[in-house]
Amino acid sequence: LVPEDTAFLTDCGLLCYNNQCFCEAGFYYSLAERTGQLNGVLLNNIGVLNFTNGEYEAARDYFERAVEADKGSLDAWFNLADTYEVLGMAKKCEYARKKYLALEKGI
């Protein structure tokens, strides 16, 4: 385990998440977050974990932070749009979907 390597910890969390070991994923994401080296991928992955757990407000916060950290992240914009939709935030959902589609088309 490399406690200061954000990318390694993020990858460990994703591996756990993909194997439906959500508690373990949260553990690794928490360690990665504590490094202070936050990036769009880590923030998006934490958002996905929160969304999966039905914690939509927390997911929204992480997805918003993810698109701020990486304005070109297709995954984060897509996930943010879905989260806005679940939360009933129609105008924000529409904006996030348009942003996602524009990025997908390379506009």
PDB file of N, CA and C in Angstrom:
ATOM      1  N   LEU A   1       0.847  -1.174   0.000  1.00  0.00           N
ATOM      2  CA  LEU A   1       0.000   0.000   0.000  1.00  0.00           C
ATOM      3  C   LEU A   1       0.889   1.233   0.000  1.00  0.00           C
ATOM      4  N   VAL A   2       0.577   2.169  -0.870  1.00  0.00           N
ATOM      5  CA  VAL A   2       1.350   3.398  -0.968  1.00  0.00           C
ATOM      6  C   VAL A   2       0.441   4.549  -0.536  1.00  0.00           C
ATOM      7  N   PRO A   3       0.469   4.926   0.753  1.00  0.00           N
ATOM      8  CA  PRO A   3      -0.528   5.849   1.293  1.00  0.00           C
ATOM      9  C   PRO A   3      -0.519   7.247   0.685  1.00  0.00           C
ATOM     10  N   GLU A   4       0.563   7.663   0.062  1.00  0.00           N
ATOM     11  CA  GLU A   4       0.597   9.005  -0.512  1.00  0.00           C
ATOM     12  C   GLU A   4       0.388   9.020  -2.030  1.00  0.00           C
ATOM     13  N   ASP A   5       0.158   7.874  -2.630  1.00  0.00           N
ATOM     14  CA  ASP A   5      -0.009   7.774  -4.079  1.00  0.00           C
ATOM     15  C   ASP A   5      -1.502   7.784  -4.434  1.00  0.00           C
ATOM     16  N   THR A   6      -1.998   8.964  -4.747  1.00  0.00           N
ATOM     17  CA  THR A   6      -3.424   9.144  -5.024  1.00  0.00           C
ATOM     18  C   THR A   6      -3.900   8.266  -6.174  1.00  0.00           C
ATOM     19  N   ALA A   7      -3.126   8.199  -7.233  1.00  0.00           N
ATOM     20  CA  ALA A   7      -3.535   7.407  -8.400  1.00  0.00           C
ATOM     21  C   ALA A   7      -3.648   5.924  -8.040  1.00  0.00           C
ATOM     22  N   PHE A   8      -2.695   5.413  -7.287  1.00  0.00           N
ATOM     23  CA  PHE A   8      -2.724   4.005  -6.875  1.00  0.00           C
ATOM     24  C   PHE A   8      -3.944   3.723  -6.003  1.00  0.00           C
ATOM     25  N   LEU A   9      -4.194   4.598  -5.034  1.00  0.00           N
ATOM     26  CA  LEU A   9      -5.335   4.419  -4.133  1.00  0.00           C
ATOM     27  C   LEU A   9      -6.655   4.534  -4.890  1.00  0.00           C
ATOM     28  N   THR A  10      -6.718   5.456  -5.845  1.00  0.00           N
ATOM     29  CA  THR A  10      -7.918   5.609  -6.670  1.00  0.00           C
ATOM     30  C   THR A  10      -8.154   4.336  -7.486  1.00  0.00           C
ATOM     31  N   ASP A  11      -7.098   3.798  -8.053  1.00  0.00           N
ATOM     32  CA  ASP A  11      -7.219   2.550  -8.816  1.00  0.00           C
ATOM     33  C   ASP A  11      -7.674   1.389  -7.930  1.00  0.00           C
ATOM     34  N   CYS A  12      -7.156   1.322  -6.709  1.00  0.00           N
ATOM     35  CA  CYS A  12      -7.589   0.275  -5.770  1.00  0.00           C
ATOM     36  C   CYS A  12      -9.078   0.425  -5.470  1.00  0.00           C
ATOM     37  N   GLY A  13      -9.519   1.665  -5.267  1.00  0.00           N
ATOM     38  CA  GLY A  13     -10.930   1.914  -5.010  1.00  0.00           C
ATOM     39  C   GLY A  13     -11.791   1.505  -6.185  1.00  0.00           C
ATOM     40  N   LEU A  14     -11.362   1.829  -7.385  1.00  0.00           N
ATOM     41  CA  LEU A  14     -12.118   1.468  -8.584  1.00  0.00           C
ATOM     42  C   LEU A  14     -12.182  -0.052  -8.752  1.00  0.00           C
ATOM     43  N   LEU A  15     -11.087  -0.725  -8.497  1.00  0.00           N
ATOM     44  CA  LEU A  15     -11.067  -2.184  -8.575  1.00  0.00           C
ATOM     45  C   LEU A  15     -12.072  -2.783  -7.594  1.00  0.00           C
ATOM     46  N   CYS A  16     -12.086  -2.278  -6.380  1.00  0.00           N
ATOM     47  CA  CYS A  16     -13.057  -2.755  -5.383  1.00  0.00           C
ATOM     48  C   CYS A  16     -14.477  -2.446  -5.830  1.00  0.00           C
ATOM     49  N   TYR A  17     -14.704  -1.229  -6.318  1.00  0.00           N
ATOM     50  CA  TYR A  17     -16.048  -0.845  -6.772  1.00  0.00           C
ATOM     51  C   TYR A  17     -16.522  -1.775  -7.887  1.00  0.00           C
ATOM     52  N   ASN A  18     -15.653  -2.025  -8.849  1.00  0.00           N
ATOM     53  CA  ASN A  18     -16.020  -2.889  -9.983  1.00  0.00           C
ATOM     54  C   ASN A  18     -16.328  -4.316  -9.544  1.00  0.00           C
ATOM     55  N   ASN A  19     -15.787  -4.715  -8.402  1.00  0.00           N
ATOM     56  CA  ASN A  19     -16.063  -6.043  -7.850  1.00  0.00           C
ATOM     57  C   ASN A  19     -17.156  -5.994  -6.794  1.00  0.00           C
ATOM     58  N   GLN A  20     -17.874  -4.880  -6.764  1.00  0.00           N
ATOM     59  CA  GLN A  20     -19.006  -4.653  -5.861  1.00  0.00           C
ATOM     60  C   GLN A  20     -18.618  -4.757  -4.389  1.00  0.00           C
ATOM     61  N   CYS A  21     -17.391  -4.392  -4.096  1.00  0.00           N
ATOM     62  CA  CYS A  21     -16.918  -4.307  -2.708  1.00  0.00           C
ATOM     63  C   CYS A  21     -16.940  -2.831  -2.322  1.00  0.00           C
ATOM     64  N   PHE A  22     -18.148  -2.311  -2.085  1.00  0.00           N
ATOM     65  CA  PHE A  22     -18.338  -0.876  -1.934  1.00  0.00           C
ATOM     66  C   PHE A  22     -17.693  -0.310  -0.670  1.00  0.00           C
ATOM     67  N   CYS A  23     -17.708  -1.055   0.415  1.00  0.00           N
ATOM     68  CA  CYS A  23     -17.066  -0.579   1.652  1.00  0.00           C
ATOM     69  C   CYS A  23     -15.559  -0.424   1.438  1.00  0.00           C
ATOM     70  N   GLU A  24     -14.968  -1.404   0.792  1.00  0.00           N
ATOM     71  CA  GLU A  24     -13.540  -1.350   0.521  1.00  0.00           C
ATOM     72  C   GLU A  24     -13.214  -0.210  -0.443  1.00  0.00           C
ATOM     73  N   ALA A  25     -14.069  -0.003  -1.435  1.00  0.00           N
ATOM     74  CA  ALA A  25     -13.861   1.106  -2.364  1.00  0.00           C
ATOM     75  C   ALA A  25     -13.854   2.423  -1.601  1.00  0.00           C
ATOM     76  N   GLY A  26     -14.816   2.585  -0.711  1.00  0.00           N
ATOM     77  CA  GLY A  26     -14.877   3.790   0.107  1.00  0.00           C
ATOM     78  C   GLY A  26     -13.631   3.976   0.947  1.00  0.00           C
ATOM     79  N   PHE A  27     -13.106   2.886   1.468  1.00  0.00           N
ATOM     80  CA  PHE A  27     -11.868   2.935   2.262  1.00  0.00           C
ATOM     81  C   PHE A  27     -10.716   3.498   1.429  1.00  0.00           C
ATOM     82  N   TYR A  28     -10.519   2.949   0.238  1.00  0.00           N
ATOM     83  CA  TYR A  28      -9.413   3.416  -0.609  1.00  0.00           C
ATOM     84  C   TYR A  28      -9.635   4.851  -1.092  1.00  0.00           C
ATOM     85  N   TYR A  29     -10.867   5.188  -1.443  1.00  0.00           N
ATOM     86  CA  TYR A  29     -11.147   6.560  -1.871  1.00  0.00           C
ATOM     87  C   TYR A  29     -10.910   7.538  -0.729  1.00  0.00           C
ATOM     88  N   SER A  30     -11.248   7.126   0.485  1.00  0.00           N
ATOM     89  CA  SER A  30     -11.015   7.974   1.648  1.00  0.00           C
ATOM     90  C   SER A  30      -9.516   8.208   1.849  1.00  0.00           C
ATOM     91  N   LEU A  31      -8.724   7.148   1.711  1.00  0.00           N
ATOM     92  CA  LEU A  31      -7.275   7.309   1.814  1.00  0.00           C
ATOM     93  C   LEU A  31      -6.745   8.232   0.718  1.00  0.00           C
ATOM     94  N   ALA A  32      -7.254   8.064  -0.483  1.00  0.00           N
ATOM     95  CA  ALA A  32      -6.816   8.908  -1.601  1.00  0.00           C
ATOM     96  C   ALA A  32      -7.194  10.367  -1.355  1.00  0.00           C
ATOM     97  N   GLU A  33      -8.384  10.576  -0.836  1.00  0.00           N
ATOM     98  CA  GLU A  33      -8.847  11.940  -0.569  1.00  0.00           C
ATOM     99  C   GLU A  33      -7.970  12.610   0.496  1.00  0.00           C
ATOM    100  N   ARG A  34      -7.525  11.846   1.458  1.00  0.00           N
ATOM    101  CA  ARG A  34      -6.691  12.393   2.543  1.00  0.00           C
ATOM    102  C   ARG A  34      -5.324  12.851   2.073  1.00  0.00           C
ATOM    103  N   THR A  35      -4.894  12.393   0.897  1.00  0.00           N
ATOM    104  CA  THR A  35      -3.594  12.849   0.390  1.00  0.00           C
ATOM    105  C   THR A  35      -3.638  14.320   0.032  1.00  0.00           C
ATOM    106  N   GLY A  36      -4.855  14.851  -0.179  1.00  0.00           N
ATOM    107  CA  GLY A  36      -4.997  16.252  -0.565  1.00  0.00           C
ATOM    108  C   GLY A  36      -4.740  16.493  -2.033  1.00  0.00           C
ATOM    109  N   GLN A  37      -4.438  15.448  -2.774  1.00  0.00           N
ATOM    110  CA  GLN A  37      -4.149  15.567  -4.204  1.00  0.00           C
ATOM    111  C   GLN A  37      -5.396  15.191  -5.000  1.00  0.00           C
ATOM    112  N   LEU A  38      -6.431  15.997  -4.828  1.00  0.00           N
ATOM    113  CA  LEU A  38      -7.711  15.695  -5.459  1.00  0.00           C
ATOM    114  C   LEU A  38      -7.645  15.989  -6.947  1.00  0.00           C
ATOM    115  N   ASN A  39      -8.243  15.094  -7.725  1.00  0.00           N
ATOM    116  CA  ASN A  39      -8.314  15.287  -9.171  1.00  0.00           C
ATOM    117  C   ASN A  39      -9.701  14.867  -9.636  1.00  0.00           C
ATOM    118  N   GLY A  40      -9.993  15.157 -10.882  1.00  0.00           N
ATOM    119  CA  GLY A  40     -11.314  14.875 -11.421  1.00  0.00           C
ATOM    120  C   GLY A  40     -11.699  13.407 -11.362  1.00  0.00           C
ATOM    121  N   VAL A  41     -10.766  12.527 -11.612  1.00  0.00           N
ATOM    122  CA  VAL A  41     -11.059  11.088 -11.608  1.00  0.00           C
ATOM    123  C   VAL A  41     -11.451  10.631 -10.203  1.00  0.00           C
ATOM    124  N   LEU A  42     -10.657  11.002  -9.221  1.00  0.00           N
ATOM    125  CA  LEU A  42     -10.958  10.613  -7.840  1.00  0.00           C
ATOM    126  C   LEU A  42     -12.301  11.189  -7.396  1.00  0.00           C
ATOM    127  N   LEU A  43     -12.525  12.467  -7.647  1.00  0.00           N
ATOM    128  CA  LEU A  43     -13.779  13.096  -7.237  1.00  0.00           C
ATOM    129  C   LEU A  43     -14.978  12.449  -7.920  1.00  0.00           C
ATOM    130  N   ASN A  44     -14.837  12.146  -9.206  1.00  0.00           N
ATOM    131  CA  ASN A  44     -15.915  11.475  -9.933  1.00  0.00           C
ATOM    132  C   ASN A  44     -16.183  10.087  -9.347  1.00  0.00           C
ATOM    133  N   ASN A  45     -15.117   9.340  -9.071  1.00  0.00           N
ATOM    134  CA  ASN A  45     -15.291   7.993  -8.527  1.00  0.00           C
ATOM    135  C   ASN A  45     -15.977   8.012  -7.164  1.00  0.00           C
ATOM    136  N   ILE A  46     -15.627   8.970  -6.329  1.00  0.00           N
ATOM    137  CA  ILE A  46     -16.291   9.091  -5.030  1.00  0.00           C
ATOM    138  C   ILE A  46     -17.762   9.451  -5.240  1.00  0.00           C
ATOM    139  N   GLY A  47     -18.021  10.307  -6.219  1.00  0.00           N
ATOM    140  CA  GLY A  47     -19.403  10.650  -6.551  1.00  0.00           C
ATOM    141  C   GLY A  47     -20.194   9.434  -6.989  1.00  0.00           C
ATOM    142  N   VAL A  48     -19.594   8.601  -7.805  1.00  0.00           N
ATOM    143  CA  VAL A  48     -20.264   7.378  -8.272  1.00  0.00           C
ATOM    144  C   VAL A  48     -20.596   6.473  -7.086  1.00  0.00           C
ATOM    145  N   LEU A  49     -19.662   6.334  -6.166  1.00  0.00           N
ATOM    146  CA  LEU A  49     -19.907   5.507  -4.983  1.00  0.00           C
ATOM    147  C   LEU A  49     -21.071   6.078  -4.163  1.00  0.00           C
ATOM    148  N   ASN A  50     -21.083   7.392  -3.980  1.00  0.00           N
ATOM    149  CA  ASN A  50     -22.187   8.027  -3.254  1.00  0.00           C
ATOM    150  C   ASN A  50     -23.516   7.824  -3.977  1.00  0.00           C
ATOM    151  N   PHE A  51     -23.508   7.991  -5.290  1.00  0.00           N
ATOM    152  CA  PHE A  51     -24.732   7.804  -6.084  1.00  0.00           C
ATOM    153  C   PHE A  51     -25.237   6.373  -5.933  1.00  0.00           C
ATOM    154  N   THR A  52     -24.327   5.412  -6.021  1.00  0.00           N
ATOM    155  CA  THR A  52     -24.679   4.001  -5.875  1.00  0.00           C
ATOM    156  C   THR A  52     -25.328   3.731  -4.514  1.00  0.00           C
ATOM    157  N   ASN A  53     -24.851   4.434  -3.500  1.00  0.00           N
ATOM    158  CA  ASN A  53     -25.378   4.270  -2.140  1.00  0.00           C
ATOM    159  C   ASN A  53     -26.623   5.112  -1.885  1.00  0.00           C
ATOM    160  N   GLY A  54     -27.129   5.796  -2.916  1.00  0.00           N
ATOM    161  CA  GLY A  54     -28.332   6.610  -2.763  1.00  0.00           C
ATOM    162  C   GLY A  54     -28.093   7.931  -2.066  1.00  0.00           C
ATOM    163  N   GLU A  55     -26.858   8.330  -1.942  1.00  0.00           N
ATOM    164  CA  GLU A  55     -26.494   9.599  -1.301  1.00  0.00           C
ATOM    165  C   GLU A  55     -26.318  10.659  -2.396  1.00  0.00           C
ATOM    166  N   TYR A  56     -27.454  11.112  -2.930  1.00  0.00           N
ATOM    167  CA  TYR A  56     -27.447  11.940  -4.132  1.00  0.00           C
ATOM    168  C   TYR A  56     -26.889  13.343  -3.908  1.00  0.00           C
ATOM    169  N   GLU A  57     -27.144  13.935  -2.762  1.00  0.00           N
ATOM    170  CA  GLU A  57     -26.591  15.270  -2.494  1.00  0.00           C
ATOM    171  C   GLU A  57     -25.068  15.208  -2.399  1.00  0.00           C
ATOM    172  N   ALA A  58     -24.564  14.195  -1.722  1.00  0.00           N
ATOM    173  CA  ALA A  58     -23.111  14.023  -1.632  1.00  0.00           C
ATOM    174  C   ALA A  58     -22.532  13.747  -3.016  1.00  0.00           C
ATOM    175  N   ALA A  59     -23.225  12.919  -3.802  1.00  0.00           N
ATOM    176  CA  ALA A  59     -22.771  12.630  -5.162  1.00  0.00           C
ATOM    177  C   ALA A  59     -22.716  13.914  -5.983  1.00  0.00           C
ATOM    178  N   ARG A  60     -23.757  14.738  -5.872  1.00  0.00           N
ATOM    179  CA  ARG A  60     -23.792  16.016  -6.598  1.00  0.00           C
ATOM    180  C   ARG A  60     -22.576  16.866  -6.254  1.00  0.00           C
ATOM    181  N   ASP A  61     -22.279  16.960  -4.972  1.00  0.00           N
ATOM    182  CA  ASP A  61     -21.130  17.750  -4.533  1.00  0.00           C
ATOM    183  C   ASP A  61     -19.842  17.239  -5.172  1.00  0.00           C
ATOM    184  N   TYR A  62     -19.637  15.932  -5.155  1.00  0.00           N
ATOM    185  CA  TYR A  62     -18.409  15.382  -5.733  1.00  0.00           C
ATOM    186  C   TYR A  62     -18.370  15.540  -7.251  1.00  0.00           C
ATOM    187  N   PHE A  63     -19.491  15.353  -7.926  1.00  0.00           N
ATOM    188  CA  PHE A  63     -19.500  15.523  -9.383  1.00  0.00           C
ATOM    189  C   PHE A  63     -19.250  16.990  -9.762  1.00  0.00           C
ATOM    190  N   GLU A  64     -19.832  17.913  -9.008  1.00  0.00           N
ATOM    191  CA  GLU A  64     -19.572  19.332  -9.280  1.00  0.00           C
ATOM    192  C   GLU A  64     -18.096  19.659  -9.080  1.00  0.00           C
ATOM    193  N   ARG A  65     -17.513  19.103  -8.043  1.00  0.00           N
ATOM    194  CA  ARG A  65     -16.079  19.307  -7.808  1.00  0.00           C
ATOM    195  C   ARG A  65     -15.245  18.640  -8.900  1.00  0.00           C
ATOM    196  N   ALA A  66     -15.712  17.493  -9.392  1.00  0.00           N
ATOM    197  CA  ALA A  66     -14.988  16.773 -10.446  1.00  0.00           C
ATOM    198  C   ALA A  66     -14.955  17.581 -11.735  1.00  0.00           C
ATOM    199  N   VAL A  67     -16.096  18.168 -12.129  1.00  0.00           N
ATOM    200  CA  VAL A  67     -16.101  18.943 -13.377  1.00  0.00           C
ATOM    201  C   VAL A  67     -15.343  20.259 -13.205  1.00  0.00           C
ATOM    202  N   GLU A  68     -15.260  20.752 -11.983  1.00  0.00           N
ATOM    203  CA  GLU A  68     -14.447  21.942 -11.737  1.00  0.00           C
ATOM    204  C   GLU A  68     -12.964  21.603 -11.861  1.00  0.00           C
ATOM    205  N   ALA A  69     -12.585  20.435 -11.356  1.00  0.00           N
ATOM    206  CA  ALA A  69     -11.188  19.998 -11.419  1.00  0.00           C
ATOM    207  C   ALA A  69     -10.782  19.590 -12.834  1.00  0.00           C
ATOM    208  N   ASP A  70     -11.727  19.031 -13.580  1.00  0.00           N
ATOM    209  CA  ASP A  70     -11.454  18.572 -14.947  1.00  0.00           C
ATOM    210  C   ASP A  70     -12.660  18.904 -15.812  1.00  0.00           C
ATOM    211  N   LYS A  71     -12.664  20.079 -16.375  1.00  0.00           N
ATOM    212  CA  LYS A  71     -13.811  20.568 -17.152  1.00  0.00           C
ATOM    213  C   LYS A  71     -14.094  19.723 -18.391  1.00  0.00           C
ATOM    214  N   GLY A  72     -13.143  18.886 -18.807  1.00  0.00           N
ATOM    215  CA  GLY A  72     -13.318  18.046 -19.976  1.00  0.00           C
ATOM    216  C   GLY A  72     -13.681  16.601 -19.664  1.00  0.00           C
ATOM    217  N   SER A  73     -14.065  16.324 -18.433  1.00  0.00           N
ATOM    218  CA  SER A  73     -14.374  14.947 -18.043  1.00  0.00           C
ATOM    219  C   SER A  73     -15.772  14.539 -18.504  1.00  0.00           C
ATOM    220  N   LEU A  74     -15.834  13.708 -19.532  1.00  0.00           N
ATOM    221  CA  LEU A  74     -17.119  13.213 -20.020  1.00  0.00           C
ATOM    222  C   LEU A  74     -17.875  12.464 -18.926  1.00  0.00           C
ATOM    223  N   ASP A  75     -17.175  11.599 -18.217  1.00  0.00           N
ATOM    224  CA  ASP A  75     -17.824  10.805 -17.170  1.00  0.00           C
ATOM    225  C   ASP A  75     -18.449  11.691 -16.104  1.00  0.00           C
ATOM    226  N   ALA A  76     -17.714  12.676 -15.643  1.00  0.00           N
ATOM    227  CA  ALA A  76     -18.211  13.535 -14.568  1.00  0.00           C
ATOM    228  C   ALA A  76     -19.416  14.355 -15.028  1.00  0.00           C
ATOM    229  N   TRP A  77     -19.386  14.889 -16.245  1.00  0.00           N
ATOM    230  CA  TRP A  77     -20.537  15.659 -16.741  1.00  0.00           C
ATOM    231  C   TRP A  77     -21.757  14.761 -16.897  1.00  0.00           C
ATOM    232  N   PHE A  78     -21.556  13.559 -17.416  1.00  0.00           N
ATOM    233  CA  PHE A  78     -22.661  12.609 -17.580  1.00  0.00           C
ATOM    234  C   PHE A  78     -23.268  12.268 -16.221  1.00  0.00           C
ATOM    235  N   ASN A  79     -22.400  11.945 -15.259  1.00  0.00           N
ATOM    236  CA  ASN A  79     -22.863  11.582 -13.922  1.00  0.00           C
ATOM    237  C   ASN A  79     -23.527  12.761 -13.217  1.00  0.00           C
ATOM    238  N   LEU A  80     -23.002  13.952 -13.425  1.00  0.00           N
ATOM    239  CA  LEU A  80     -23.607  15.139 -12.825  1.00  0.00           C
ATOM    240  C   LEU A  80     -25.008  15.359 -13.381  1.00  0.00           C
ATOM    241  N   ALA A  81     -25.171  15.187 -14.693  1.00  0.00           N
ATOM    242  CA  ALA A  81     -26.496  15.339 -15.308  1.00  0.00           C
ATOM    243  C   ALA A  81     -27.482  14.331 -14.720  1.00  0.00           C
ATOM    244  N   ASP A  82     -27.057  13.090 -14.592  1.00  0.00           N
ATOM    245  CA  ASP A  82     -27.935  12.060 -14.002  1.00  0.00           C
ATOM    246  C   ASP A  82     -28.317  12.409 -12.570  1.00  0.00           C
ATOM    247  N   THR A  83     -27.365  12.917 -11.834  1.00  0.00           N
ATOM    248  CA  THR A  83     -27.620  13.271 -10.437  1.00  0.00           C
ATOM    249  C   THR A  83     -28.589  14.440 -10.341  1.00  0.00           C
ATOM    250  N   TYR A  84     -28.380  15.450 -11.168  1.00  0.00           N
ATOM    251  CA  TYR A  84     -29.318  16.574 -11.199  1.00  0.00           C
ATOM    252  C   TYR A  84     -30.729  16.080 -11.530  1.00  0.00           C
ATOM    253  N   GLU A  85     -30.816  15.141 -12.458  1.00  0.00           N
ATOM    254  CA  GLU A  85     -32.121  14.603 -12.837  1.00  0.00           C
ATOM    255  C   GLU A  85     -32.798  13.921 -11.646  1.00  0.00           C
ATOM    256  N   VAL A  86     -32.062  13.088 -10.943  1.00  0.00           N
ATOM    257  CA  VAL A  86     -32.610  12.395  -9.773  1.00  0.00           C
ATOM    258  C   VAL A  86     -33.054  13.400  -8.706  1.00  0.00           C
ATOM    259  N   LEU A  87     -32.312  14.486  -8.577  1.00  0.00           N
ATOM    260  CA  LEU A  87     -32.620  15.493  -7.565  1.00  0.00           C
ATOM    261  C   LEU A  87     -33.699  16.480  -8.023  1.00  0.00           C
ATOM    262  N   GLY A  88     -34.184  16.316  -9.254  1.00  0.00           N
ATOM    263  CA  GLY A  88     -35.233  17.189  -9.759  1.00  0.00           C
ATOM    264  C   GLY A  88     -34.748  18.578 -10.144  1.00  0.00           C
ATOM    265  N   MET A  89     -33.496  18.690 -10.487  1.00  0.00           N
ATOM    266  CA  MET A  89     -32.900  19.973 -10.866  1.00  0.00           C
ATOM    267  C   MET A  89     -32.837  20.042 -12.390  1.00  0.00           C
ATOM    268  N   ALA A  90     -33.986  20.284 -13.011  1.00  0.00           N
ATOM    269  CA  ALA A  90     -34.141  20.156 -14.460  1.00  0.00           C
ATOM    270  C   ALA A  90     -33.219  21.084 -15.248  1.00  0.00           C
ATOM    271  N   LYS A  91     -33.141  22.353 -14.872  1.00  0.00           N
ATOM    272  CA  LYS A  91     -32.308  23.293 -15.643  1.00  0.00           C
ATOM    273  C   LYS A  91     -30.831  22.927 -15.557  1.00  0.00           C
ATOM    274  N   LYS A  92     -30.399  22.551 -14.378  1.00  0.00           N
ATOM    275  CA  LYS A  92     -28.998  22.147 -14.222  1.00  0.00           C
ATOM    276  C   LYS A  92     -28.728  20.845 -14.960  1.00  0.00           C
ATOM    277  N   CYS A  93     -29.692  19.944 -14.949  1.00  0.00           N
ATOM    278  CA  CYS A  93     -29.566  18.686 -15.683  1.00  0.00           C
ATOM    279  C   CYS A  93     -29.393  18.966 -17.174  1.00  0.00           C
ATOM    280  N   GLU A  94     -30.223  19.839 -17.696  1.00  0.00           N
ATOM    281  CA  GLU A  94     -30.147  20.188 -19.117  1.00  0.00           C
ATOM    282  C   GLU A  94     -28.786  20.793 -19.457  1.00  0.00           C
ATOM    283  N   TYR A  95     -28.305  21.694 -18.605  1.00  0.00           N
ATOM    284  CA  TYR A  95     -26.997  22.315 -18.838  1.00  0.00           C
ATOM    285  C   TYR A  95     -25.891  21.252 -18.845  1.00  0.00           C
ATOM    286  N   ALA A  96     -25.907  20.362 -17.854  1.00  0.00           N
ATOM    287  CA  ALA A  96     -24.867  19.336 -17.756  1.00  0.00           C
ATOM    288  C   ALA A  96     -24.925  18.377 -18.948  1.00  0.00           C
ATOM    289  N   ARG A  97     -26.131  18.033 -19.395  1.00  0.00           N
ATOM    290  CA  ARG A  97     -26.265  17.144 -20.565  1.00  0.00           C
ATOM    291  C   ARG A  97     -25.721  17.829 -21.823  1.00  0.00           C
ATOM    292  N   LYS A  98     -26.040  19.109 -21.981  1.00  0.00           N
ATOM    293  CA  LYS A  98     -25.520  19.852 -23.140  1.00  0.00           C
ATOM    294  C   LYS A  98     -23.998  19.928 -23.094  1.00  0.00           C
ATOM    295  N   LYS A  99     -23.464  20.150 -21.916  1.00  0.00           N
ATOM    296  CA  LYS A  99     -22.022  20.212 -21.759  1.00  0.00           C
ATOM    297  C   LYS A  99     -21.388  18.853 -22.122  1.00  0.00           C
ATOM    298  N   TYR A 100     -21.999  17.787 -21.635  1.00  0.00           N
ATOM    299  CA  TYR A 100     -21.533  16.436 -21.948  1.00  0.00           C
ATOM    300  C   TYR A 100     -21.550  16.189 -23.463  1.00  0.00           C
ATOM    301  N   LEU A 101     -22.678  16.496 -24.103  1.00  0.00           N
ATOM    302  CA  LEU A 101     -22.811  16.248 -25.541  1.00  0.00           C
ATOM    303  C   LEU A 101     -21.829  17.075 -26.354  1.00  0.00           C
ATOM    304  N   ALA A 102     -21.617  18.319 -25.948  1.00  0.00           N
ATOM    305  CA  ALA A 102     -20.643  19.167 -26.645  1.00  0.00           C
ATOM    306  C   ALA A 102     -19.236  18.591 -26.520  1.00  0.00           C
ATOM    307  N   LEU A 103     -18.893  18.141 -25.343  1.00  0.00           N
ATOM    308  CA  LEU A 103     -17.563  17.536 -25.151  1.00  0.00           C
ATOM    309  C   LEU A 103     -17.419  16.243 -25.940  1.00  0.00           C
ATOM    310  N   GLU A 104     -18.478  15.467 -25.967  1.00  0.00           N
ATOM    311  CA  GLU A 104     -18.460  14.190 -26.695  1.00  0.00           C
ATOM    312  C   GLU A 104     -18.245  14.432 -28.206  1.00  0.00           C
ATOM    313  N   LYS A 105     -18.828  15.495 -28.702  1.00  0.00           N
ATOM    314  CA  LYS A 105     -18.698  15.821 -30.122  1.00  0.00           C
ATOM    315  C   LYS A 105     -17.435  16.618 -30.411  1.00  0.00           C
ATOM    316  N   GLY A 106     -16.706  16.993 -29.358  1.00  0.00           N
ATOM    317  CA  GLY A 106     -15.479  17.751 -29.549  1.00  0.00           C
ATOM    318  C   GLY A 106     -15.700  19.214 -29.867  1.00  0.00           C
ATOM    319  N   ILE A 107     -16.828  19.729 -29.453  1.00  0.00           N
ATOM    320  CA  ILE A 107     -17.153  21.138 -29.735  1.00  0.00           C
ATOM    321  C   ILE A 107     -16.531  22.024 -28.678  1.00  0.00           C
TER     322      ILE A 107
END
